[in-house]
Amino acid sequence: MHHARAGARTAEVLMRSRYSAFACALGAYLLDTWHPSTRPARLDLDPGLEWRRLQIRDRSAGGEQDPDGTVSFVAHFYDTRRREYGRLVETSRFIREDGRWLYLEAVA
């Protein structure tokens, strides 16, 4: 998915595009796809992290007609300063407003 304003069809598609945005350091896109109630004022992306792979573990709701959904994933990265691999395990909540999916928060 390209990182345009058009929006994602499902919560999982948005999750995948946000992962790609982290990998490509597209902070403006990340903030634009973050729900206003939980969005930070600014986002400082760590240039020392190289995002390597995304594994979707599970999803609940988040379809084209659902009002909300969750996506559980593992994001693998390489820390260039420490020269070690790591992973981020998270379940993210998404909400659909005015037909547009937005990231709400991490729940685990």
PDB file of N, CA and C in Angstrom:
ATOM      1  N   MET A   1       0.845  -1.180   0.000  1.00  0.00           N
ATOM      2  CA  MET A   1       0.000   0.000   0.000  1.00  0.00           C
ATOM      3  C   MET A   1       0.886   1.237   0.000  1.00  0.00           C
ATOM      4  N   HIS A   2       0.514   2.185  -0.813  1.00  0.00           N
ATOM      5  CA  HIS A   2       1.248   3.441  -0.776  1.00  0.00           C
ATOM      6  C   HIS A   2       0.752   4.260   0.418  1.00  0.00           C
ATOM      7  N   HIS A   3       1.509   5.211   0.824  1.00  0.00           N
ATOM      8  CA  HIS A   3       1.194   5.988   2.015  1.00  0.00           C
ATOM      9  C   HIS A   3       0.510   7.292   1.630  1.00  0.00           C
ATOM     10  N   ALA A   4      -0.717   7.150   1.142  1.00  0.00           N
ATOM     11  CA  ALA A   4      -1.515   8.310   0.736  1.00  0.00           C
ATOM     12  C   ALA A   4      -2.667   8.510   1.712  1.00  0.00           C
ATOM     13  N   ARG A   5      -3.338   9.591   1.583  1.00  0.00           N
ATOM     14  CA  ARG A   5      -4.436   9.960   2.480  1.00  0.00           C
ATOM     15  C   ARG A   5      -5.679   9.103   2.258  1.00  0.00           C
ATOM     16  N   ALA A   6      -5.770   8.349   1.187  1.00  0.00           N
ATOM     17  CA  ALA A   6      -6.980   7.613   0.819  1.00  0.00           C
ATOM     18  C   ALA A   6      -7.475   6.690   1.925  1.00  0.00           C
ATOM     19  N   GLY A   7      -6.598   6.062   2.659  1.00  0.00           N
ATOM     20  CA  GLY A   7      -7.017   5.200   3.753  1.00  0.00           C
ATOM     21  C   GLY A   7      -6.988   3.730   3.398  1.00  0.00           C
ATOM     22  N   ALA A   8      -7.028   2.922   4.437  1.00  0.00           N
ATOM     23  CA  ALA A   8      -6.952   1.474   4.302  1.00  0.00           C
ATOM     24  C   ALA A   8      -8.353   0.863   4.370  1.00  0.00           C
ATOM     25  N   ARG A   9      -8.544  -0.254   3.688  1.00  0.00           N
ATOM     26  CA  ARG A   9      -9.837  -0.948   3.689  1.00  0.00           C
ATOM     27  C   ARG A   9     -10.115  -1.656   5.004  1.00  0.00           C
ATOM     28  N   THR A  10      -9.065  -2.130   5.669  1.00  0.00           N
ATOM     29  CA  THR A  10      -9.224  -2.898   6.911  1.00  0.00           C
ATOM     30  C   THR A  10      -8.184  -2.455   7.929  1.00  0.00           C
ATOM     31  N   ALA A  11      -8.397  -2.864   9.175  1.00  0.00           N
ATOM     32  CA  ALA A  11      -7.429  -2.546  10.230  1.00  0.00           C
ATOM     33  C   ALA A  11      -6.080  -3.198   9.942  1.00  0.00           C
ATOM     34  N   GLU A  12      -6.091  -4.422   9.435  1.00  0.00           N
ATOM     35  CA  GLU A  12      -4.825  -5.095   9.139  1.00  0.00           C
ATOM     36  C   GLU A  12      -4.054  -4.381   8.030  1.00  0.00           C
ATOM     37  N   VAL A  13      -4.748  -3.921   7.011  1.00  0.00           N
ATOM     38  CA  VAL A  13      -4.077  -3.186   5.938  1.00  0.00           C
ATOM     39  C   VAL A  13      -3.441  -1.917   6.505  1.00  0.00           C
ATOM     40  N   LEU A  14      -4.158  -1.230   7.404  1.00  0.00           N
ATOM     41  CA  LEU A  14      -3.574  -0.046   8.041  1.00  0.00           C
ATOM     42  C   LEU A  14      -2.363  -0.433   8.888  1.00  0.00           C
ATOM     43  N   MET A  15      -2.464  -1.547   9.624  1.00  0.00           N
ATOM     44  CA  MET A  15      -1.326  -1.999  10.443  1.00  0.00           C
ATOM     45  C   MET A  15      -0.101  -2.228   9.568  1.00  0.00           C
ATOM     46  N   ARG A  16      -0.293  -2.893   8.452  1.00  0.00           N
ATOM     47  CA  ARG A  16       0.831  -3.161   7.545  1.00  0.00           C
ATOM     48  C   ARG A  16       1.419  -1.863   6.972  1.00  0.00           C
ATOM     49  N   SER A  17       0.550  -0.922   6.627  1.00  0.00           N
ATOM     50  CA  SER A  17       1.059   0.330   6.066  1.00  0.00           C
ATOM     51  C   SER A  17       1.790   1.143   7.137  1.00  0.00           C
ATOM     52  N   ARG A  18       1.334   1.076   8.376  1.00  0.00           N
ATOM     53  CA  ARG A  18       2.020   1.789   9.461  1.00  0.00           C
ATOM     54  C   ARG A  18       3.389   1.158   9.739  1.00  0.00           C
ATOM     55  N   TYR A  19       3.468  -0.166   9.674  1.00  0.00           N
ATOM     56  CA  TYR A  19       4.767  -0.824   9.831  1.00  0.00           C
ATOM     57  C   TYR A  19       5.730  -0.322   8.746  1.00  0.00           C
ATOM     58  N   SER A  20       5.254  -0.291   7.508  1.00  0.00           N
ATOM     59  CA  SER A  20       6.085   0.199   6.405  1.00  0.00           C
ATOM     60  C   SER A  20       6.491   1.647   6.629  1.00  0.00           C
ATOM     61  N   ALA A  21       5.586   2.435   7.185  1.00  0.00           N
ATOM     62  CA  ALA A  21       5.897   3.842   7.462  1.00  0.00           C
ATOM     63  C   ALA A  21       6.992   3.961   8.520  1.00  0.00           C
ATOM     64  N   PHE A  22       6.967   3.089   9.526  1.00  0.00           N
ATOM     65  CA  PHE A  22       8.062   3.081  10.499  1.00  0.00           C
ATOM     66  C   PHE A  22       9.370   2.721   9.797  1.00  0.00           C
ATOM     67  N   ALA A  23       9.338   1.716   8.928  1.00  0.00           N
ATOM     68  CA  ALA A  23      10.543   1.274   8.227  1.00  0.00           C
ATOM     69  C   ALA A  23      11.096   2.365   7.313  1.00  0.00           C
ATOM     70  N   CYS A  24      10.213   3.184   6.750  1.00  0.00           N
ATOM     71  CA  CYS A  24      10.627   4.242   5.816  1.00  0.00           C
ATOM     72  C   CYS A  24      10.715   5.611   6.482  1.00  0.00           C
ATOM     73  N   ALA A  25      10.548   5.656   7.803  1.00  0.00           N
ATOM     74  CA  ALA A  25      10.623   6.900   8.580  1.00  0.00           C
ATOM     75  C   ALA A  25       9.642   7.961   8.079  1.00  0.00           C
ATOM     76  N   LEU A  26       8.400   7.559   7.865  1.00  0.00           N
ATOM     77  CA  LEU A  26       7.347   8.467   7.400  1.00  0.00           C
ATOM     78  C   LEU A  26       6.508   8.920   8.586  1.00  0.00           C
ATOM     79  N   GLY A  27       7.099   9.754   9.409  1.00  0.00           N
ATOM     80  CA  GLY A  27       6.449  10.217  10.631  1.00  0.00           C
ATOM     81  C   GLY A  27       5.133  10.928  10.396  1.00  0.00           C
ATOM     82  N   ALA A  28       5.048  11.737   9.351  1.00  0.00           N
ATOM     83  CA  ALA A  28       3.809  12.469   9.072  1.00  0.00           C
ATOM     84  C   ALA A  28       2.664  11.504   8.786  1.00  0.00           C
ATOM     85  N   TYR A  29       2.943  10.427   8.050  1.00  0.00           N
ATOM     86  CA  TYR A  29       1.909   9.423   7.768  1.00  0.00           C
ATOM     87  C   TYR A  29       1.467   8.742   9.063  1.00  0.00           C
ATOM     88  N   LEU A  30       2.405   8.412   9.920  1.00  0.00           N
ATOM     89  CA  LEU A  30       2.061   7.760  11.182  1.00  0.00           C
ATOM     90  C   LEU A  30       1.159   8.650  12.021  1.00  0.00           C
ATOM     91  N   LEU A  31       1.483   9.918  12.121  1.00  0.00           N
ATOM     92  CA  LEU A  31       0.641  10.842  12.886  1.00  0.00           C
ATOM     93  C   LEU A  31      -0.728  11.008  12.228  1.00  0.00           C
ATOM     94  N   ASP A  32      -0.773  11.029  10.908  1.00  0.00           N
ATOM     95  CA  ASP A  32      -2.036  11.202  10.188  1.00  0.00           C
ATOM     96  C   ASP A  32      -2.976  10.016  10.362  1.00  0.00           C
ATOM     97  N   THR A  33      -2.412   8.826  10.600  1.00  0.00           N
ATOM     98  CA  THR A  33      -3.236   7.626  10.758  1.00  0.00           C
ATOM     99  C   THR A  33      -3.458   7.268  12.227  1.00  0.00           C
ATOM    100  N   TRP A  34      -3.112   8.156  13.120  1.00  0.00           N
ATOM    101  CA  TRP A  34      -3.264   7.979  14.567  1.00  0.00           C
ATOM    102  C   TRP A  34      -4.526   8.706  15.005  1.00  0.00           C
ATOM    103  N   HIS A  35      -5.348   8.096  15.827  1.00  0.00           N
ATOM    104  CA  HIS A  35      -6.580   8.733  16.286  1.00  0.00           C
ATOM    105  C   HIS A  35      -6.247   9.984  17.100  1.00  0.00           C
ATOM    106  N   PRO A  36      -6.961  11.096  16.872  1.00  0.00           N
ATOM    107  CA  PRO A  36      -6.650  12.345  17.569  1.00  0.00           C
ATOM    108  C   PRO A  36      -6.675  12.245  19.098  1.00  0.00           C
ATOM    109  N   SER A  37      -7.480  11.348  19.651  1.00  0.00           N
ATOM    110  CA  SER A  37      -7.576  11.246  21.117  1.00  0.00           C
ATOM    111  C   SER A  37      -6.335  10.644  21.765  1.00  0.00           C
ATOM    112  N   THR A  38      -5.519   9.931  20.997  1.00  0.00           N
ATOM    113  CA  THR A  38      -4.316   9.298  21.551  1.00  0.00           C
ATOM    114  C   THR A  38      -3.039   9.695  20.817  1.00  0.00           C
ATOM    115  N   ARG A  39      -3.154  10.484  19.781  1.00  0.00           N
ATOM    116  CA  ARG A  39      -2.004  10.877  18.957  1.00  0.00           C
ATOM    117  C   ARG A  39      -1.069  11.799  19.743  1.00  0.00           C
ATOM    118  N   PRO A  40       0.221  11.525  19.709  1.00  0.00           N
ATOM    119  CA  PRO A  40       1.175  12.425  20.366  1.00  0.00           C
ATOM    120  C   PRO A  40       1.314  13.722  19.564  1.00  0.00           C
ATOM    121  N   ALA A  41       1.793  14.747  20.210  1.00  0.00           N
ATOM    122  CA  ALA A  41       1.999  16.034  19.535  1.00  0.00           C
ATOM    123  C   ALA A  41       3.070  15.921  18.456  1.00  0.00           C
ATOM    124  N   ARG A  42       4.065  15.070  18.707  1.00  0.00           N
ATOM    125  CA  ARG A  42       5.113  14.828  17.718  1.00  0.00           C
ATOM    126  C   ARG A  42       5.625  13.409  17.887  1.00  0.00           C
ATOM    127  N   LEU A  43       6.333  12.951  16.899  1.00  0.00           N
ATOM    128  CA  LEU A  43       6.832  11.587  16.894  1.00  0.00           C
ATOM    129  C   LEU A  43       8.307  11.609  16.535  1.00  0.00           C
ATOM    130  N   ASP A  44       9.128  11.102  17.439  1.00  0.00           N
ATOM    131  CA  ASP A  44      10.563  11.018  17.192  1.00  0.00           C
ATOM    132  C   ASP A  44      10.913   9.578  16.843  1.00  0.00           C
ATOM    133  N   LEU A  45      11.173   9.326  15.575  1.00  0.00           N
ATOM    134  CA  LEU A  45      11.531   7.978  15.129  1.00  0.00           C
ATOM    135  C   LEU A  45      13.016   7.742  15.363  1.00  0.00           C
ATOM    136  N   ASP A  46      13.354   6.562  15.822  1.00  0.00           N
ATOM    137  CA  ASP A  46      14.735   6.211  16.133  1.00  0.00           C
ATOM    138  C   ASP A  46      15.469   5.814  14.849  1.00  0.00           C
ATOM    139  N   PRO A  47      16.412   6.626  14.383  1.00  0.00           N
ATOM    140  CA  PRO A  47      17.127   6.292  13.142  1.00  0.00           C
ATOM    141  C   PRO A  47      18.047   5.087  13.287  1.00  0.00           C
ATOM    142  N   GLY A  48      18.303   4.647  14.502  1.00  0.00           N
ATOM    143  CA  GLY A  48      19.164   3.494  14.725  1.00  0.00           C
ATOM    144  C   GLY A  48      18.452   2.156  14.600  1.00  0.00           C
ATOM    145  N   LEU A  49      17.129   2.187  14.441  1.00  0.00           N
ATOM    146  CA  LEU A  49      16.375   0.943  14.291  1.00  0.00           C
ATOM    147  C   LEU A  49      16.066   0.692  12.825  1.00  0.00           C
ATOM    148  N   GLU A  50      16.401  -0.489  12.367  1.00  0.00           N
ATOM    149  CA  GLU A  50      16.058  -0.921  11.016  1.00  0.00           C
ATOM    150  C   GLU A  50      14.979  -1.978  11.145  1.00  0.00           C
ATOM    151  N   TRP A  51      13.771  -1.651  10.698  1.00  0.00           N
ATOM    152  CA  TRP A  51      12.650  -2.591  10.780  1.00  0.00           C
ATOM    153  C   TRP A  51      12.809  -3.609   9.670  1.00  0.00           C
ATOM    154  N   ARG A  52      12.833  -4.899  10.037  1.00  0.00           N
ATOM    155  CA  ARG A  52      13.181  -5.959   9.101  1.00  0.00           C
ATOM    156  C   ARG A  52      12.017  -6.822   8.629  1.00  0.00           C
ATOM    157  N   ARG A  53      11.046  -7.091   9.522  1.00  0.00           N
ATOM    158  CA  ARG A  53       9.994  -8.042   9.139  1.00  0.00           C
ATOM    159  C   ARG A  53       8.796  -7.862  10.045  1.00  0.00           C
ATOM    160  N   LEU A  54       7.617  -8.055   9.475  1.00  0.00           N
ATOM    161  CA  LEU A  54       6.369  -7.988  10.222  1.00  0.00           C
ATOM    162  C   LEU A  54       5.652  -9.324  10.125  1.00  0.00           C
ATOM    163  N   GLN A  55       5.249  -9.851  11.267  1.00  0.00           N
ATOM    164  CA  GLN A  55       4.446 -11.076  11.318  1.00  0.00           C
ATOM    165  C   GLN A  55       3.111 -10.738  11.972  1.00  0.00           C
ATOM    166  N   ILE A  56       2.028 -10.952  11.256  1.00  0.00           N
ATOM    167  CA  ILE A  56       0.706 -10.780  11.843  1.00  0.00           C
ATOM    168  C   ILE A  56       0.367 -12.085  12.550  1.00  0.00           C
ATOM    169  N   ARG A  57       0.082 -12.010  13.835  1.00  0.00           N
ATOM    170  CA  ARG A  57      -0.236 -13.203  14.623  1.00  0.00           C
ATOM    171  C   ARG A  57      -1.726 -13.483  14.669  1.00  0.00           C
ATOM    172  N   ASP A  58      -2.527 -12.418  14.778  1.00  0.00           N
ATOM    173  CA  ASP A  58      -3.965 -12.598  14.915  1.00  0.00           C
ATOM    174  C   ASP A  58      -4.654 -11.283  14.607  1.00  0.00           C
ATOM    175  N   ARG A  59      -5.937 -11.379  14.335  1.00  0.00           N
ATOM    176  CA  ARG A  59      -6.744 -10.183  14.139  1.00  0.00           C
ATOM    177  C   ARG A  59      -8.140 -10.487  14.634  1.00  0.00           C
ATOM    178  N   SER A  60      -8.807  -9.457  15.109  1.00  0.00           N
ATOM    179  CA  SER A  60     -10.182  -9.592  15.578  1.00  0.00           C
ATOM    180  C   SER A  60     -10.980  -8.431  15.002  1.00  0.00           C
ATOM    181  N   ALA A  61     -12.052  -8.748  14.302  1.00  0.00           N
ATOM    182  CA  ALA A  61     -12.869  -7.747  13.625  1.00  0.00           C
ATOM    183  C   ALA A  61     -11.954  -6.929  12.715  1.00  0.00           C
ATOM    184  N   GLY A  62     -12.221  -5.638  12.573  1.00  0.00           N
ATOM    185  CA  GLY A  62     -11.364  -4.793  11.746  1.00  0.00           C
ATOM    186  C   GLY A  62     -11.624  -4.902  10.258  1.00  0.00           C
ATOM    187  N   GLY A  63     -12.775  -5.465   9.885  1.00  0.00           N
ATOM    188  CA  GLY A  63     -13.103  -5.601   8.470  1.00  0.00           C
ATOM    189  C   GLY A  63     -13.706  -4.333   7.894  1.00  0.00           C
ATOM    190  N   GLU A  64     -14.083  -4.399   6.636  1.00  0.00           N
ATOM    191  CA  GLU A  64     -14.571  -3.218   5.927  1.00  0.00           C
ATOM    192  C   GLU A  64     -15.844  -2.624   6.531  1.00  0.00           C
ATOM    193  N   GLN A  65     -16.628  -3.409   7.248  1.00  0.00           N
ATOM    194  CA  GLN A  65     -17.869  -2.910   7.838  1.00  0.00           C
ATOM    195  C   GLN A  65     -17.820  -2.790   9.357  1.00  0.00           C
ATOM    196  N   ASP A  66     -16.716  -3.191   9.968  1.00  0.00           N
ATOM    197  CA  ASP A  66     -16.603  -3.169  11.429  1.00  0.00           C
ATOM    198  C   ASP A  66     -16.278  -1.773  11.945  1.00  0.00           C
ATOM    199  N   PRO A  67     -16.753  -1.436  13.148  1.00  0.00           N
ATOM    200  CA  PRO A  67     -16.427  -0.126  13.728  1.00  0.00           C
ATOM    201  C   PRO A  67     -15.052  -0.090  14.403  1.00  0.00           C
ATOM    202  N   ASP A  68     -14.519  -1.269  14.762  1.00  0.00           N
ATOM    203  CA  ASP A  68     -13.211  -1.327  15.410  1.00  0.00           C
ATOM    204  C   ASP A  68     -12.598  -2.690  15.178  1.00  0.00           C
ATOM    205  N   GLY A  69     -11.379  -2.852  15.641  1.00  0.00           N
ATOM    206  CA  GLY A  69     -10.695  -4.128  15.475  1.00  0.00           C
ATOM    207  C   GLY A  69      -9.348  -4.107  16.157  1.00  0.00           C
ATOM    208  N   THR A  70      -8.761  -5.287  16.275  1.00  0.00           N
ATOM    209  CA  THR A  70      -7.413  -5.411  16.836  1.00  0.00           C
ATOM    210  C   THR A  70      -6.550  -6.244  15.892  1.00  0.00           C
ATOM    211  N   VAL A  71      -5.266  -5.971  15.928  1.00  0.00           N
ATOM    212  CA  VAL A  71      -4.282  -6.729  15.159  1.00  0.00           C
ATOM    213  C   VAL A  71      -3.109  -7.020  16.088  1.00  0.00           C
ATOM    214  N   SER A  72      -2.803  -8.303  16.256  1.00  0.00           N
ATOM    215  CA  SER A  72      -1.644  -8.722  17.057  1.00  0.00           C
ATOM    216  C   SER A  72      -0.503  -9.044  16.101  1.00  0.00           C
ATOM    217  N   PHE A  73       0.691  -8.562  16.448  1.00  0.00           N
ATOM    218  CA  PHE A  73       1.810  -8.729  15.533  1.00  0.00           C
ATOM    219  C   PHE A  73       3.138  -8.800  16.275  1.00  0.00           C
ATOM    220  N   VAL A  74       4.144  -9.219  15.525  1.00  0.00           N
ATOM    221  CA  VAL A  74       5.536  -9.163  15.967  1.00  0.00           C
ATOM    222  C   VAL A  74       6.288  -8.393  14.885  1.00  0.00           C
ATOM    223  N   ALA A  75       6.949  -7.317  15.285  1.00  0.00           N
ATOM    224  CA  ALA A  75       7.767  -6.528  14.366  1.00  0.00           C
ATOM    225  C   ALA A  75       9.235  -6.761  14.730  1.00  0.00           C
ATOM    226  N   HIS A  76       9.988  -7.273  13.793  1.00  0.00           N
ATOM    227  CA  HIS A  76      11.405  -7.580  14.011  1.00  0.00           C
ATOM    228  C   HIS A  76      12.256  -6.397  13.545  1.00  0.00           C
ATOM    229  N   PHE A  77      13.282  -6.086  14.319  1.00  0.00           N
ATOM    230  CA  PHE A  77      14.153  -4.968  13.973  1.00  0.00           C
ATOM    231  C   PHE A  77      15.597  -5.299  14.289  1.00  0.00           C
ATOM    232  N   TYR A  78      16.484  -4.474  13.737  1.00  0.00           N
ATOM    233  CA  TYR A  78      17.904  -4.543  14.041  1.00  0.00           C
ATOM    234  C   TYR A  78      18.309  -3.187  14.602  1.00  0.00           C
ATOM    235  N   ASP A  79      18.938  -3.187  15.771  1.00  0.00           N
ATOM    236  CA  ASP A  79      19.424  -1.971  16.410  1.00  0.00           C
ATOM    237  C   ASP A  79      20.869  -1.776  15.964  1.00  0.00           C
ATOM    238  N   THR A  80      21.100  -0.768  15.134  1.00  0.00           N
ATOM    239  CA  THR A  80      22.432  -0.568  14.556  1.00  0.00           C
ATOM    240  C   THR A  80      23.463  -0.094  15.576  1.00  0.00           C
ATOM    241  N   ARG A  81      23.026   0.563  16.643  1.00  0.00           N
ATOM    242  CA  ARG A  81      23.979   1.028  17.668  1.00  0.00           C
ATOM    243  C   ARG A  81      24.444  -0.131  18.545  1.00  0.00           C
ATOM    244  N   ARG A  82      23.517  -0.945  18.958  1.00  0.00           N
ATOM    245  CA  ARG A  82      23.856  -2.086  19.829  1.00  0.00           C
ATOM    246  C   ARG A  82      24.294  -3.313  19.041  1.00  0.00           C
ATOM    247  N   ARG A  83      24.027  -3.262  17.738  1.00  0.00           N
ATOM    248  CA  ARG A  83      24.352  -4.392  16.855  1.00  0.00           C
ATOM    249  C   ARG A  83      23.687  -5.673  17.328  1.00  0.00           C
ATOM    250  N   GLU A  84      22.369  -5.548  17.552  1.00  0.00           N
ATOM    251  CA  GLU A  84      21.602  -6.722  17.967  1.00  0.00           C
ATOM    252  C   GLU A  84      20.191  -6.654  17.402  1.00  0.00           C
ATOM    253  N   TYR A  85      19.612  -7.824  17.284  1.00  0.00           N
ATOM    254  CA  TYR A  85      18.254  -7.949  16.787  1.00  0.00           C
ATOM    255  C   TYR A  85      17.271  -7.897  17.949  1.00  0.00           C
ATOM    256  N   GLY A  86      16.091  -7.419  17.669  1.00  0.00           N
ATOM    257  CA  GLY A  86      15.051  -7.362  18.686  1.00  0.00           C
ATOM    258  C   GLY A  86      13.692  -7.521  18.035  1.00  0.00           C
ATOM    259  N   ARG A  87      12.680  -7.503  18.868  1.00  0.00           N
ATOM    260  CA  ARG A  87      11.330  -7.599  18.331  1.00  0.00           C
ATOM    261  C   ARG A  87      10.361  -6.861  19.236  1.00  0.00           C
ATOM    262  N   LEU A  88       9.350  -6.347  18.634  1.00  0.00           N
ATOM    263  CA  LEU A  88       8.270  -5.671  19.326  1.00  0.00           C
ATOM    264  C   LEU A  88       7.034  -6.542  19.172  1.00  0.00           C
ATOM    265  N   VAL A  89       6.462  -6.989  20.289  1.00  0.00           N
ATOM    266  CA  VAL A  89       5.244  -7.801  20.278  1.00  0.00           C
ATOM    267  C   VAL A  89       4.123  -6.917  20.799  1.00  0.00           C
ATOM    268  N   GLU A  90       3.046  -6.799  20.030  1.00  0.00           N
ATOM    269  CA  GLU A  90       1.994  -5.864  20.402  1.00  0.00           C
ATOM    270  C   GLU A  90       0.645  -6.309  19.838  1.00  0.00           C
ATOM    271  N   THR A  91      -0.392  -5.915  20.530  1.00  0.00           N
ATOM    272  CA  THR A  91      -1.741  -5.969  20.002  1.00  0.00           C
ATOM    273  C   THR A  91      -2.211  -4.533  19.912  1.00  0.00           C
ATOM    274  N   SER A  92      -2.548  -4.106  18.716  1.00  0.00           N
ATOM    275  CA  SER A  92      -2.959  -2.724  18.478  1.00  0.00           C
ATOM    276  C   SER A  92      -4.469  -2.659  18.279  1.00  0.00           C
ATOM    277  N   ARG A  93      -5.064  -1.613  18.825  1.00  0.00           N
ATOM    278  CA  ARG A  93      -6.491  -1.350  18.625  1.00  0.00           C
ATOM    279  C   ARG A  93      -6.667  -0.288  17.555  1.00  0.00           C
ATOM    280  N   PHE A  94      -7.655  -0.511  16.700  1.00  0.00           N
ATOM    281  CA  PHE A  94      -7.980   0.409  15.618  1.00  0.00           C
ATOM    282  C   PHE A  94      -9.453   0.752  15.691  1.00  0.00           C
ATOM    283  N   ILE A  95      -9.787   1.929  15.204  1.00  0.00           N
ATOM    284  CA  ILE A  95     -11.173   2.381  15.184  1.00  0.00           C
ATOM    285  C   ILE A  95     -11.445   2.979  13.802  1.00  0.00           C
ATOM    286  N   ARG A  96     -12.674   2.793  13.336  1.00  0.00           N
ATOM    287  CA  ARG A  96     -13.041   3.349  12.028  1.00  0.00           C
ATOM    288  C   ARG A  96     -13.962   4.534  12.250  1.00  0.00           C
ATOM    289  N   GLU A  97     -13.553   5.684  11.765  1.00  0.00           N
ATOM    290  CA  GLU A  97     -14.354   6.910  11.878  1.00  0.00           C
ATOM    291  C   GLU A  97     -14.526   7.515  10.498  1.00  0.00           C
ATOM    292  N   ASP A  98     -15.752   7.853  10.174  1.00  0.00           N
ATOM    293  CA  ASP A  98     -16.063   8.427   8.858  1.00  0.00           C
ATOM    294  C   ASP A  98     -15.500   7.568   7.729  1.00  0.00           C
ATOM    295  N   GLY A  99     -15.580   6.250   7.923  1.00  0.00           N
ATOM    296  CA  GLY A  99     -15.116   5.314   6.901  1.00  0.00           C
ATOM    297  C   GLY A  99     -13.615   5.148   6.823  1.00  0.00           C
ATOM    298  N   ARG A 100     -12.879   5.724   7.742  1.00  0.00           N
ATOM    299  CA  ARG A 100     -11.411   5.691   7.709  1.00  0.00           C
ATOM    300  C   ARG A 100     -10.847   5.005   8.948  1.00  0.00           C
ATOM    301  N   TRP A 101      -9.983   4.029   8.736  1.00  0.00           N
ATOM    302  CA  TRP A 101      -9.335   3.342   9.846  1.00  0.00           C
ATOM    303  C   TRP A 101      -8.246   4.212  10.449  1.00  0.00           C
ATOM    304  N   LEU A 102      -8.174   4.200  11.811  1.00  0.00           N
ATOM    305  CA  LEU A 102      -7.151   4.936  12.533  1.00  0.00           C
ATOM    306  C   LEU A 102      -6.589   4.058  13.647  1.00  0.00           C
ATOM    307  N   TYR A 103      -5.298   4.197  13.898  1.00  0.00           N
ATOM    308  CA  TYR A 103      -4.649   3.510  15.032  1.00  0.00           C
ATOM    309  C   TYR A 103      -5.099   4.217  16.311  1.00  0.00           C
ATOM    310  N   LEU A 104      -5.519   3.419  17.305  1.00  0.00           N
ATOM    311  CA  LEU A 104      -5.976   4.004  18.570  1.00  0.00           C
ATOM    312  C   LEU A 104      -4.926   3.846  19.662  1.00  0.00           C
ATOM    313  N   GLU A 105      -4.515   2.596  19.922  1.00  0.00           N
ATOM    314  CA  GLU A 105      -3.566   2.373  21.009  1.00  0.00           C
ATOM    315  C   GLU A 105      -3.053   0.946  21.004  1.00  0.00           C
ATOM    316  N   ALA A 106      -1.971   0.743  21.745  1.00  0.00           N
ATOM    317  CA  ALA A 106      -1.454  -0.603  22.002  1.00  0.00           C
ATOM    318  C   ALA A 106      -2.121  -1.120  23.256  1.00  0.00           C
ATOM    319  N   VAL A 107      -2.555  -2.377  23.223  1.00  0.00           N
ATOM    320  CA  VAL A 107      -3.206  -2.950  24.396  1.00  0.00           C
ATOM    321  C   VAL A 107      -2.384  -4.055  25.037  1.00  0.00           C
ATOM    322  N   ALA A 108      -1.359  -4.509  24.390  1.00  0.00           N
ATOM    323  CA  ALA A 108      -0.486  -5.528  24.998  1.00  0.00           C
ATOM    324  C   ALA A 108       0.872  -5.509  24.329  1.00  0.00           C
TER     325      ALA A 108
END
